[in-house]
Amino acid sequence: MEHAGGAFLHQNRFSMFLAGLVVLILLVFVSVNAVSLTRKLHENRARARVLEQEIRTEEQRAADIEEYRKYTETDAYIEEIAREKLGLIYEGETVFKEEK
């Protein structure tokens, strides 16, 4: 009977050792994954900051384009283009040109 109890005790210790080993392996696996996920989280947050800045830049650009579009519909713009690009002047105006 003593021999059977010793075998049981030995088997119980071995089972506890295996259970501890499995827990240790799981802890290592979880730790490695946690480090990897933390690194990815930091990378994603940095990328999000960059993208948010790009969004703000593009929103400002869109606002500038819209403002320019509205300006192109004004008489002031039409007059500017007529003078600068087409060389038109009002009747009775005198144009002075620089000599080159």
PDB file of N, CA and C in Angstrom:
ATOM      1  N   MET A   1       0.814  -1.174   0.000  1.00  0.00           N
ATOM      2  CA  MET A   1       0.000   0.000   0.000  1.00  0.00           C
ATOM      3  C   MET A   1       0.864   1.247   0.000  1.00  0.00           C
ATOM      4  N   GLU A   2       1.942   1.199   0.673  1.00  0.00           N
ATOM      5  CA  GLU A   2       2.831   2.347   0.745  1.00  0.00           C
ATOM      6  C   GLU A   2       3.405   2.658  -0.618  1.00  0.00           C
ATOM      7  N   HIS A   3       3.692   1.640  -1.372  1.00  0.00           N
ATOM      8  CA  HIS A   3       4.261   1.820  -2.692  1.00  0.00           C
ATOM      9  C   HIS A   3       3.260   2.509  -3.614  1.00  0.00           C
ATOM     10  N   ALA A   4       1.998   2.151  -3.541  1.00  0.00           N
ATOM     11  CA  ALA A   4       0.973   2.760  -4.381  1.00  0.00           C
ATOM     12  C   ALA A   4       0.804   4.224  -4.009  1.00  0.00           C
ATOM     13  N   GLY A   5       0.874   4.539  -2.722  1.00  0.00           N
ATOM     14  CA  GLY A   5       0.758   5.929  -2.281  1.00  0.00           C
ATOM     15  C   GLY A   5       1.925   6.747  -2.775  1.00  0.00           C
ATOM     16  N   GLY A   6       3.138   6.148  -2.790  1.00  0.00           N
ATOM     17  CA  GLY A   6       4.314   6.855  -3.290  1.00  0.00           C
ATOM     18  C   GLY A   6       4.186   7.135  -4.767  1.00  0.00           C
ATOM     19  N   ALA A   7       3.638   6.187  -5.515  1.00  0.00           N
ATOM     20  CA  ALA A   7       3.455   6.384  -6.952  1.00  0.00           C
ATOM     21  C   ALA A   7       2.429   7.486  -7.187  1.00  0.00           C
ATOM     22  N   PHE A   8       1.392   7.496  -6.372  1.00  0.00           N
ATOM     23  CA  PHE A   8       0.374   8.527  -6.503  1.00  0.00           C
ATOM     24  C   PHE A   8       0.963   9.900  -6.205  1.00  0.00           C
ATOM     25  N   LEU A   9       1.778   9.976  -5.150  1.00  0.00           N
ATOM     26  CA  LEU A   9       2.412  11.230  -4.763  1.00  0.00           C
ATOM     27  C   LEU A   9       3.343  11.705  -5.873  1.00  0.00           C
ATOM     28  N   HIS A  10       4.099  10.774  -6.449  1.00  0.00           N
ATOM     29  CA  HIS A  10       5.008  11.116  -7.549  1.00  0.00           C
ATOM     30  C   HIS A  10       4.210  11.606  -8.760  1.00  0.00           C
ATOM     31  N   GLN A  11       3.108  10.917  -9.065  1.00  0.00           N
ATOM     32  CA  GLN A  11       2.265  11.306 -10.207  1.00  0.00           C
ATOM     33  C   GLN A  11       1.624  12.664  -9.938  1.00  0.00           C
ATOM     34  N   ASN A  12       1.228  12.926  -8.705  1.00  0.00           N
ATOM     35  CA  ASN A  12       0.612  14.191  -8.348  1.00  0.00           C
ATOM     36  C   ASN A  12       1.621  15.332  -8.502  1.00  0.00           C
ATOM     37  N   ARG A  13       2.867  15.107  -8.060  1.00  0.00           N
ATOM     38  CA  ARG A  13       3.906  16.138  -8.217  1.00  0.00           C
ATOM     39  C   ARG A  13       4.178  16.409  -9.696  1.00  0.00           C
ATOM     40  N   PHE A  14       4.211  15.349 -10.482  1.00  0.00           N
ATOM     41  CA  PHE A  14       4.467  15.501 -11.914  1.00  0.00           C
ATOM     42  C   PHE A  14       3.318  16.273 -12.571  1.00  0.00           C
ATOM     43  N   SER A  15       2.080  15.990 -12.176  1.00  0.00           N
ATOM     44  CA  SER A  15       0.919  16.699 -12.712  1.00  0.00           C
ATOM     45  C   SER A  15       0.975  18.173 -12.329  1.00  0.00           C
ATOM     46  N   MET A  16       1.347  18.457 -11.104  1.00  0.00           N
ATOM     47  CA  MET A  16       1.484  19.847 -10.657  1.00  0.00           C
ATOM     48  C   MET A  16       2.596  20.548 -11.429  1.00  0.00           C
ATOM     49  N   PHE A  17       3.698  19.844 -11.673  1.00  0.00           N
ATOM     50  CA  PHE A  17       4.800  20.407 -12.452  1.00  0.00           C
ATOM     51  C   PHE A  17       4.323  20.741 -13.867  1.00  0.00           C
ATOM     52  N   LEU A  18       3.611  19.806 -14.496  1.00  0.00           N
ATOM     53  CA  LEU A  18       3.099  20.044 -15.853  1.00  0.00           C
ATOM     54  C   LEU A  18       2.112  21.205 -15.876  1.00  0.00           C
ATOM     55  N   ALA A  19       1.237  21.263 -14.890  1.00  0.00           N
ATOM     56  CA  ALA A  19       0.269  22.359 -14.819  1.00  0.00           C
ATOM     57  C   ALA A  19       1.008  23.695 -14.657  1.00  0.00           C
ATOM     58  N   GLY A  20       2.002  23.717 -13.812  1.00  0.00           N
ATOM     59  CA  GLY A  20       2.797  24.935 -13.623  1.00  0.00           C
ATOM     60  C   GLY A  20       3.526  25.318 -14.893  1.00  0.00           C
ATOM     61  N   LEU A  21       4.063  24.330 -15.596  1.00  0.00           N
ATOM     62  CA  LEU A  21       4.776  24.576 -16.849  1.00  0.00           C
ATOM     63  C   LEU A  21       3.818  25.148 -17.901  1.00  0.00           C
ATOM     64  N   VAL A  22       2.628  24.586 -17.982  1.00  0.00           N
ATOM     65  CA  VAL A  22       1.626  25.097 -18.930  1.00  0.00           C
ATOM     66  C   VAL A  22       1.263  26.543 -18.589  1.00  0.00           C
ATOM     67  N   VAL A  23       1.055  26.824 -17.310  1.00  0.00           N
ATOM     68  CA  VAL A  23       0.730  28.189 -16.882  1.00  0.00           C
ATOM     69  C   VAL A  23       1.879  29.131 -17.225  1.00  0.00           C
ATOM     70  N   LEU A  24       3.113  28.708 -16.996  1.00  0.00           N
ATOM     71  CA  LEU A  24       4.282  29.531 -17.311  1.00  0.00           C
ATOM     72  C   LEU A  24       4.363  29.807 -18.812  1.00  0.00           C
ATOM     73  N   ILE A  25       4.145  28.783 -19.613  1.00  0.00           N
ATOM     74  CA  ILE A  25       4.177  28.956 -21.077  1.00  0.00           C
ATOM     75  C   ILE A  25       3.075  29.927 -21.511  1.00  0.00           C
ATOM     76  N   LEU A  26       1.894  29.789 -20.934  1.00  0.00           N
ATOM     77  CA  LEU A  26       0.801  30.702 -21.267  1.00  0.00           C
ATOM     78  C   LEU A  26       1.130  32.135 -20.867  1.00  0.00           C
ATOM     79  N   LEU A  27       1.744  32.297 -19.698  1.00  0.00           N
ATOM     80  CA  LEU A  27       2.134  33.636 -19.258  1.00  0.00           C
ATOM     81  C   LEU A  27       3.151  34.263 -20.209  1.00  0.00           C
ATOM     82  N   VAL A  28       4.119  33.489 -20.642  1.00  0.00           N
ATOM     83  CA  VAL A  28       5.112  33.989 -21.594  1.00  0.00           C
ATOM     84  C   VAL A  28       4.429  34.378 -22.905  1.00  0.00           C
ATOM     85  N   PHE A  29       3.550  33.513 -23.400  1.00  0.00           N
ATOM     86  CA  PHE A  29       2.833  33.770 -24.646  1.00  0.00           C
ATOM     87  C   PHE A  29       2.000  35.055 -24.537  1.00  0.00           C
ATOM     88  N   VAL A  30       1.266  35.199 -23.442  1.00  0.00           N
ATOM     89  CA  VAL A  30       0.426  36.382 -23.230  1.00  0.00           C
ATOM     90  C   VAL A  30       1.299  37.634 -23.112  1.00  0.00           C
ATOM     91  N   SER A  31       2.404  37.531 -22.423  1.00  0.00           N
ATOM     92  CA  SER A  31       3.305  38.677 -22.264  1.00  0.00           C
ATOM     93  C   SER A  31       3.876  39.127 -23.599  1.00  0.00           C
ATOM     94  N   VAL A  32       4.320  38.182 -24.409  1.00  0.00           N
ATOM     95  CA  VAL A  32       4.866  38.514 -25.727  1.00  0.00           C
ATOM     96  C   VAL A  32       3.794  39.185 -26.579  1.00  0.00           C
ATOM     97  N   ASN A  33       2.588  38.638 -26.560  1.00  0.00           N
ATOM     98  CA  ASN A  33       1.500  39.243 -27.329  1.00  0.00           C
ATOM     99  C   ASN A  33       1.134  40.615 -26.793  1.00  0.00           C
ATOM    100  N   ALA A  34       1.170  40.794 -25.498  1.00  0.00           N
ATOM    101  CA  ALA A  34       0.843  42.097 -24.911  1.00  0.00           C
ATOM    102  C   ALA A  34       1.858  43.148 -25.348  1.00  0.00           C
ATOM    103  N   VAL A  35       3.137  42.789 -25.368  1.00  0.00           N
ATOM    104  CA  VAL A  35       4.168  43.721 -25.809  1.00  0.00           C
ATOM    105  C   VAL A  35       3.950  44.078 -27.278  1.00  0.00           C
ATOM    106  N   SER A  36       3.664  43.090 -28.092  1.00  0.00           N
ATOM    107  CA  SER A  36       3.421  43.321 -29.520  1.00  0.00           C
ATOM    108  C   SER A  36       2.199  44.205 -29.725  1.00  0.00           C
ATOM    109  N   LEU A  37       1.134  43.925 -29.005  1.00  0.00           N
ATOM    110  CA  LEU A  37      -0.084  44.728 -29.139  1.00  0.00           C
ATOM    111  C   LEU A  37       0.126  46.156 -28.637  1.00  0.00           C
ATOM    112  N   THR A  38       0.895  46.320 -27.585  1.00  0.00           N
ATOM    113  CA  THR A  38       1.196  47.656 -27.066  1.00  0.00           C
ATOM    114  C   THR A  38       1.985  48.457 -28.098  1.00  0.00           C
ATOM    115  N   ARG A  39       2.951  47.819 -28.738  1.00  0.00           N
ATOM    116  CA  ARG A  39       3.746  48.478 -29.774  1.00  0.00           C
ATOM    117  C   ARG A  39       2.843  48.893 -30.928  1.00  0.00           C
ATOM    118  N   LYS A  40       1.963  48.003 -31.359  1.00  0.00           N
ATOM    119  CA  LYS A  40       1.039  48.312 -32.456  1.00  0.00           C
ATOM    120  C   LYS A  40       0.091  49.441 -32.068  1.00  0.00           C
ATOM    121  N   LEU A  41      -0.337  49.447 -30.813  1.00  0.00           N
ATOM    122  CA  LEU A  41      -1.218  50.505 -30.330  1.00  0.00           C
ATOM    123  C   LEU A  41      -0.527  51.859 -30.433  1.00  0.00           C
ATOM    124  N   HIS A  42       0.731  51.929 -29.993  1.00  0.00           N
ATOM    125  CA  HIS A  42       1.482  53.184 -30.080  1.00  0.00           C
ATOM    126  C   HIS A  42       1.677  53.608 -31.530  1.00  0.00           C
ATOM    127  N   GLU A  43       1.980  52.659 -32.393  1.00  0.00           N
ATOM    128  CA  GLU A  43       2.146  52.971 -33.817  1.00  0.00           C
ATOM    129  C   GLU A  43       0.834  53.486 -34.410  1.00  0.00           C
ATOM    130  N   ASN A  44      -0.257  52.853 -34.069  1.00  0.00           N
ATOM    131  CA  ASN A  44      -1.560  53.279 -34.590  1.00  0.00           C
ATOM    132  C   ASN A  44      -1.958  54.651 -34.070  1.00  0.00           C
ATOM    133  N   ARG A  45      -1.662  54.927 -32.813  1.00  0.00           N
ATOM    134  CA  ARG A  45      -1.962  56.257 -32.271  1.00  0.00           C
ATOM    135  C   ARG A  45      -1.134  57.322 -32.974  1.00  0.00           C
ATOM    136  N   ALA A  46       0.136  57.029 -33.226  1.00  0.00           N
ATOM    137  CA  ALA A  46       0.990  57.984 -33.941  1.00  0.00           C
ATOM    138  C   ALA A  46       0.453  58.204 -35.354  1.00  0.00           C
ATOM    139  N   ARG A  47       0.062  57.141 -36.016  1.00  0.00           N
ATOM    140  CA  ARG A  47      -0.493  57.254 -37.374  1.00  0.00           C
ATOM    141  C   ARG A  47      -1.797  58.052 -37.353  1.00  0.00           C
ATOM    142  N   ALA A  48      -2.614  57.841 -36.321  1.00  0.00           N
ATOM    143  CA  ALA A  48      -3.876  58.582 -36.196  1.00  0.00           C
ATOM    144  C   ALA A  48      -3.607  60.072 -36.050  1.00  0.00           C
ATOM    145  N   ARG A  49      -2.567  60.435 -35.275  1.00  0.00           N
ATOM    146  CA  ARG A  49      -2.222  61.857 -35.121  1.00  0.00           C
ATOM    147  C   ARG A  49      -1.811  62.453 -36.465  1.00  0.00           C
ATOM    148  N   VAL A  50      -1.016  61.709 -37.227  1.00  0.00           N
ATOM    149  CA  VAL A  50      -0.590  62.180 -38.554  1.00  0.00           C
ATOM    150  C   VAL A  50      -1.807  62.355 -39.458  1.00  0.00           C
ATOM    151  N   LEU A  51      -2.697  61.379 -39.454  1.00  0.00           N
ATOM    152  CA  LEU A  51      -3.885  61.457 -40.304  1.00  0.00           C
ATOM    153  C   LEU A  51      -4.806  62.603 -39.890  1.00  0.00           C
ATOM    154  N   GLU A  52      -4.925  62.837 -38.585  1.00  0.00           N
ATOM    155  CA  GLU A  52      -5.745  63.956 -38.111  1.00  0.00           C
ATOM    156  C   GLU A  52      -5.172  65.281 -38.593  1.00  0.00           C
ATOM    157  N   GLN A  53      -3.845  65.411 -38.580  1.00  0.00           N
ATOM    158  CA  GLN A  53      -3.213  66.629 -39.082  1.00  0.00           C
ATOM    159  C   GLN A  53      -3.453  66.769 -40.583  1.00  0.00           C
ATOM    160  N   GLU A  54      -3.352  65.663 -41.313  1.00  0.00           N
ATOM    161  CA  GLU A  54      -3.611  65.703 -42.751  1.00  0.00           C
ATOM    162  C   GLU A  54      -5.061  66.103 -43.025  1.00  0.00           C
ATOM    163  N   ILE A  55      -5.987  65.624 -42.209  1.00  0.00           N
ATOM    164  CA  ILE A  55      -7.396  65.992 -42.367  1.00  0.00           C
ATOM    165  C   ILE A  55      -7.567  67.491 -42.147  1.00  0.00           C
ATOM    166  N   ARG A  56      -6.965  68.025 -41.084  1.00  0.00           N
ATOM    167  CA  ARG A  56      -7.068  69.466 -40.822  1.00  0.00           C
ATOM    168  C   ARG A  56      -6.483  70.271 -41.982  1.00  0.00           C
ATOM    169  N   THR A  57      -5.347  69.811 -42.517  1.00  0.00           N
ATOM    170  CA  THR A  57      -4.716  70.496 -43.642  1.00  0.00           C
ATOM    171  C   THR A  57      -5.638  70.477 -44.860  1.00  0.00           C
ATOM    172  N   GLU A  58      -6.220  69.326 -45.151  1.00  0.00           N
ATOM    173  CA  GLU A  58      -7.104  69.211 -46.307  1.00  0.00           C
ATOM    174  C   GLU A  58      -8.395  70.001 -46.114  1.00  0.00           C
ATOM    175  N   GLU A  59      -8.900  70.037 -44.885  1.00  0.00           N
ATOM    176  CA  GLU A  59     -10.092  70.847 -44.622  1.00  0.00           C
ATOM    177  C   GLU A  59      -9.803  72.319 -44.856  1.00  0.00           C
ATOM    178  N   GLN A  60      -8.621  72.778 -44.429  1.00  0.00           N
ATOM    179  CA  GLN A  60      -8.237  74.170 -44.656  1.00  0.00           C
ATOM    180  C   GLN A  60      -8.077  74.435 -46.146  1.00  0.00           C
ATOM    181  N   ARG A  61      -7.485  73.485 -46.842  1.00  0.00           N
ATOM    182  CA  ARG A  61      -7.309  73.616 -48.293  1.00  0.00           C
ATOM    183  C   ARG A  61      -8.667  73.691 -48.988  1.00  0.00           C
ATOM    184  N   ALA A  62      -9.601  72.852 -48.570  1.00  0.00           N
ATOM    185  CA  ALA A  62     -10.941  72.877 -49.150  1.00  0.00           C
ATOM    186  C   ALA A  62     -11.626  74.214 -48.872  1.00  0.00           C
ATOM    187  N   ALA A  63     -11.443  74.747 -47.674  1.00  0.00           N
ATOM    188  CA  ALA A  63     -12.025  76.052 -47.337  1.00  0.00           C
ATOM    189  C   ALA A  63     -11.408  77.149 -48.201  1.00  0.00           C
ATOM    190  N   ASP A  64     -10.090  77.072 -48.403  1.00  0.00           N
ATOM    191  CA  ASP A  64      -9.418  78.059 -49.260  1.00  0.00           C
ATOM    192  C   ASP A  64      -9.924  77.978 -50.694  1.00  0.00           C
ATOM    193  N   ILE A  65     -10.096  76.761 -51.186  1.00  0.00           N
ATOM    194  CA  ILE A  65     -10.602  76.568 -52.552  1.00  0.00           C
ATOM    195  C   ILE A  65     -12.024  77.120 -52.665  1.00  0.00           C
ATOM    196  N   GLU A  66     -12.849  76.863 -51.671  1.00  0.00           N
ATOM    197  CA  GLU A  66     -14.221  77.363 -51.682  1.00  0.00           C
ATOM    198  C   GLU A  66     -14.241  78.894 -51.654  1.00  0.00           C
ATOM    199  N   GLU A  67     -13.371  79.471 -50.853  1.00  0.00           N
ATOM    200  CA  GLU A  67     -13.284  80.930 -50.790  1.00  0.00           C
ATOM    201  C   GLU A  67     -12.850  81.492 -52.144  1.00  0.00           C
ATOM    202  N   TYR A  68     -11.882  80.849 -52.785  1.00  0.00           N
ATOM    203  CA  TYR A  68     -11.424  81.291 -54.094  1.00  0.00           C
ATOM    204  C   TYR A  68     -12.541  81.117 -55.134  1.00  0.00           C
ATOM    205  N   ARG A  69     -13.273  80.004 -55.052  1.00  0.00           N
ATOM    206  CA  ARG A  69     -14.389  79.775 -55.980  1.00  0.00           C
ATOM    207  C   ARG A  69     -15.408  80.894 -55.875  1.00  0.00           C
ATOM    208  N   LYS A  70     -15.726  81.277 -54.637  1.00  0.00           N
ATOM    209  CA  LYS A  70     -16.680  82.372 -54.441  1.00  0.00           C
ATOM    210  C   LYS A  70     -16.118  83.677 -55.006  1.00  0.00           C
ATOM    211  N   TYR A  71     -14.828  83.903 -54.802  1.00  0.00           N
ATOM    212  CA  TYR A  71     -14.197  85.119 -55.327  1.00  0.00           C
ATOM    213  C   TYR A  71     -14.260  85.151 -56.847  1.00  0.00           C
ATOM    214  N   THR A  72     -14.112  84.004 -57.510  1.00  0.00           N
ATOM    215  CA  THR A  72     -14.133  83.983 -58.975  1.00  0.00           C
ATOM    216  C   THR A  72     -15.503  84.328 -59.534  1.00  0.00           C
ATOM    217  N   GLU A  73     -16.513  84.334 -58.691  1.00  0.00           N
ATOM    218  CA  GLU A  73     -17.852  84.697 -59.136  1.00  0.00           C
ATOM    219  C   GLU A  73     -18.154  86.185 -58.932  1.00  0.00           C
ATOM    220  N   THR A  74     -17.181  86.946 -58.450  1.00  0.00           N
ATOM    221  CA  THR A  74     -17.409  88.365 -58.180  1.00  0.00           C
ATOM    222  C   THR A  74     -16.991  89.225 -59.367  1.00  0.00           C
ATOM    223  N   ASP A  75     -17.518  90.442 -59.387  1.00  0.00           N
ATOM    224  CA  ASP A  75     -17.138  91.410 -60.418  1.00  0.00           C
ATOM    225  C   ASP A  75     -15.663  91.788 -60.281  1.00  0.00           C
ATOM    226  N   ALA A  76     -15.172  91.823 -59.054  1.00  0.00           N
ATOM    227  CA  ALA A  76     -13.768  92.182 -58.835  1.00  0.00           C
ATOM    228  C   ALA A  76     -12.839  91.186 -59.525  1.00  0.00           C
ATOM    229  N   TYR A  77     -13.178  89.916 -59.460  1.00  0.00           N
ATOM    230  CA  TYR A  77     -12.351  88.898 -60.112  1.00  0.00           C
ATOM    231  C   TYR A  77     -12.423  89.048 -61.629  1.00  0.00           C
ATOM    232  N   ILE A  78     -13.623  89.241 -62.127  1.00  0.00           N
ATOM    233  CA  ILE A  78     -13.789  89.386 -63.578  1.00  0.00           C
ATOM    234  C   ILE A  78     -12.988  90.587 -64.078  1.00  0.00           C
ATOM    235  N   GLU A  79     -13.050  91.675 -63.343  1.00  0.00           N
ATOM    236  CA  GLU A  79     -12.275  92.865 -63.726  1.00  0.00           C
ATOM    237  C   GLU A  79     -10.776  92.586 -63.657  1.00  0.00           C
ATOM    238  N   GLU A  80     -10.344  91.899 -62.622  1.00  0.00           N
ATOM    239  CA  GLU A  80      -8.920  91.564 -62.474  1.00  0.00           C
ATOM    240  C   GLU A  80      -8.421  90.754 -63.669  1.00  0.00           C
ATOM    241  N   ILE A  81      -9.173  89.754 -64.054  1.00  0.00           N
ATOM    242  CA  ILE A  81      -8.785  88.906 -65.183  1.00  0.00           C
ATOM    243  C   ILE A  81      -8.803  89.716 -66.477  1.00  0.00           C
ATOM    244  N   ALA A  82      -9.834  90.537 -66.645  1.00  0.00           N
ATOM    245  CA  ALA A  82      -9.931  91.348 -67.864  1.00  0.00           C
ATOM    246  C   ALA A  82      -8.726  92.285 -67.991  1.00  0.00           C
ATOM    247  N   ARG A  83      -8.299  92.848 -66.894  1.00  0.00           N
ATOM    248  CA  ARG A  83      -7.155  93.772 -66.926  1.00  0.00           C
ATOM    249  C   ARG A  83      -5.833  93.015 -67.104  1.00  0.00           C
ATOM    250  N   GLU A  84      -5.613  92.012 -66.276  1.00  0.00           N
ATOM    251  CA  GLU A  84      -4.309  91.339 -66.251  1.00  0.00           C
ATOM    252  C   GLU A  84      -4.102  90.389 -67.425  1.00  0.00           C
ATOM    253  N   LYS A  85      -5.101  89.616 -67.740  1.00  0.00           N
ATOM    254  CA  LYS A  85      -4.918  88.576 -68.762  1.00  0.00           C
ATOM    255  C   LYS A  85      -5.284  89.061 -70.161  1.00  0.00           C
ATOM    256  N   LEU A  86      -6.303  89.897 -70.232  1.00  0.00           N
ATOM    257  CA  LEU A  86      -6.786  90.326 -71.543  1.00  0.00           C
ATOM    258  C   LEU A  86      -6.336  91.736 -71.917  1.00  0.00           C
ATOM    259  N   GLY A  87      -5.785  92.470 -70.946  1.00  0.00           N
ATOM    260  CA  GLY A  87      -5.298  93.820 -71.217  1.00  0.00           C
ATOM    261  C   GLY A  87      -6.401  94.830 -71.472  1.00  0.00           C
ATOM    262  N   LEU A  88      -7.602  94.545 -71.018  1.00  0.00           N
ATOM    263  CA  LEU A  88      -8.720  95.468 -71.214  1.00  0.00           C
ATOM    264  C   LEU A  88      -8.671  96.614 -70.207  1.00  0.00           C
ATOM    265  N   ILE A  89      -9.176  97.765 -70.620  1.00  0.00           N
ATOM    266  CA  ILE A  89      -9.240  98.936 -69.740  1.00  0.00           C
ATOM    267  C   ILE A  89     -10.596  99.606 -69.928  1.00  0.00           C
ATOM    268  N   TYR A  90     -10.934 100.425 -68.954  1.00  0.00           N
ATOM    269  CA  TYR A  90     -12.170 101.187 -69.076  1.00  0.00           C
ATOM    270  C   TYR A  90     -11.978 102.319 -70.085  1.00  0.00           C
ATOM    271  N   GLU A  91     -13.050 102.722 -70.703  1.00  0.00           N
ATOM    272  CA  GLU A  91     -13.004 103.830 -71.648  1.00  0.00           C
ATOM    273  C   GLU A  91     -12.536 105.084 -70.922  1.00  0.00           C
ATOM    274  N   GLY A  92     -11.570 105.771 -71.510  1.00  0.00           N
ATOM    275  CA  GLY A  92     -11.035 106.991 -70.922  1.00  0.00           C
ATOM    276  C   GLY A  92      -9.864 106.757 -69.985  1.00  0.00           C
ATOM    277  N   GLU A  93      -9.522 105.505 -69.689  1.00  0.00           N
ATOM    278  CA  GLU A  93      -8.371 105.205 -68.815  1.00  0.00           C
ATOM    279  C   GLU A  93      -7.091 105.304 -69.630  1.00  0.00           C
ATOM    280  N   THR A  94      -6.018 105.667 -68.962  1.00  0.00           N
ATOM    281  CA  THR A  94      -4.704 105.688 -69.581  1.00  0.00           C
ATOM    282  C   THR A  94      -3.849 104.639 -68.894  1.00  0.00           C
ATOM    283  N   VAL A  95      -3.170 103.844 -69.670  1.00  0.00           N
ATOM    284  CA  VAL A  95      -2.327 102.784 -69.129  1.00  0.00           C
ATOM    285  C   VAL A  95      -0.871 103.205 -69.275  1.00  0.00           C
ATOM    286  N   PHE A  96      -0.142 103.111 -68.197  1.00  0.00           N
ATOM    287  CA  PHE A  96       1.285 103.388 -68.218  1.00  0.00           C
ATOM    288  C   PHE A  96       2.023 102.065 -68.083  1.00  0.00           C
ATOM    289  N   LYS A  97       2.957 101.803 -68.961  1.00  0.00           N
ATOM    290  CA  LYS A  97       3.716 100.572 -68.915  1.00  0.00           C
ATOM    291  C   LYS A  97       5.160 100.885 -68.598  1.00  0.00           C
ATOM    292  N   GLU A  98       5.782  99.993 -67.829  1.00  0.00           N
ATOM    293  CA  GLU A  98       7.192 100.146 -67.501  1.00  0.00           C
ATOM    294  C   GLU A  98       8.020  99.799 -68.725  1.00  0.00           C
ATOM    295  N   GLU A  99       9.122 100.539 -68.896  1.00  0.00           N
ATOM    296  CA  GLU A  99      10.046 100.189 -69.969  1.00  0.00           C
ATOM    297  C   GLU A  99      10.983  99.120 -69.447  1.00  0.00           C
ATOM    298  N   LYS A 100      11.293  98.190 -70.309  1.00  0.00           N
ATOM    299  CA  LYS A 100      12.158  97.094 -69.893  1.00  0.00           C
ATOM    300  C   LYS A 100      13.512  97.217 -70.502  1.00  0.00           C
TER     301      LYS A 100
END
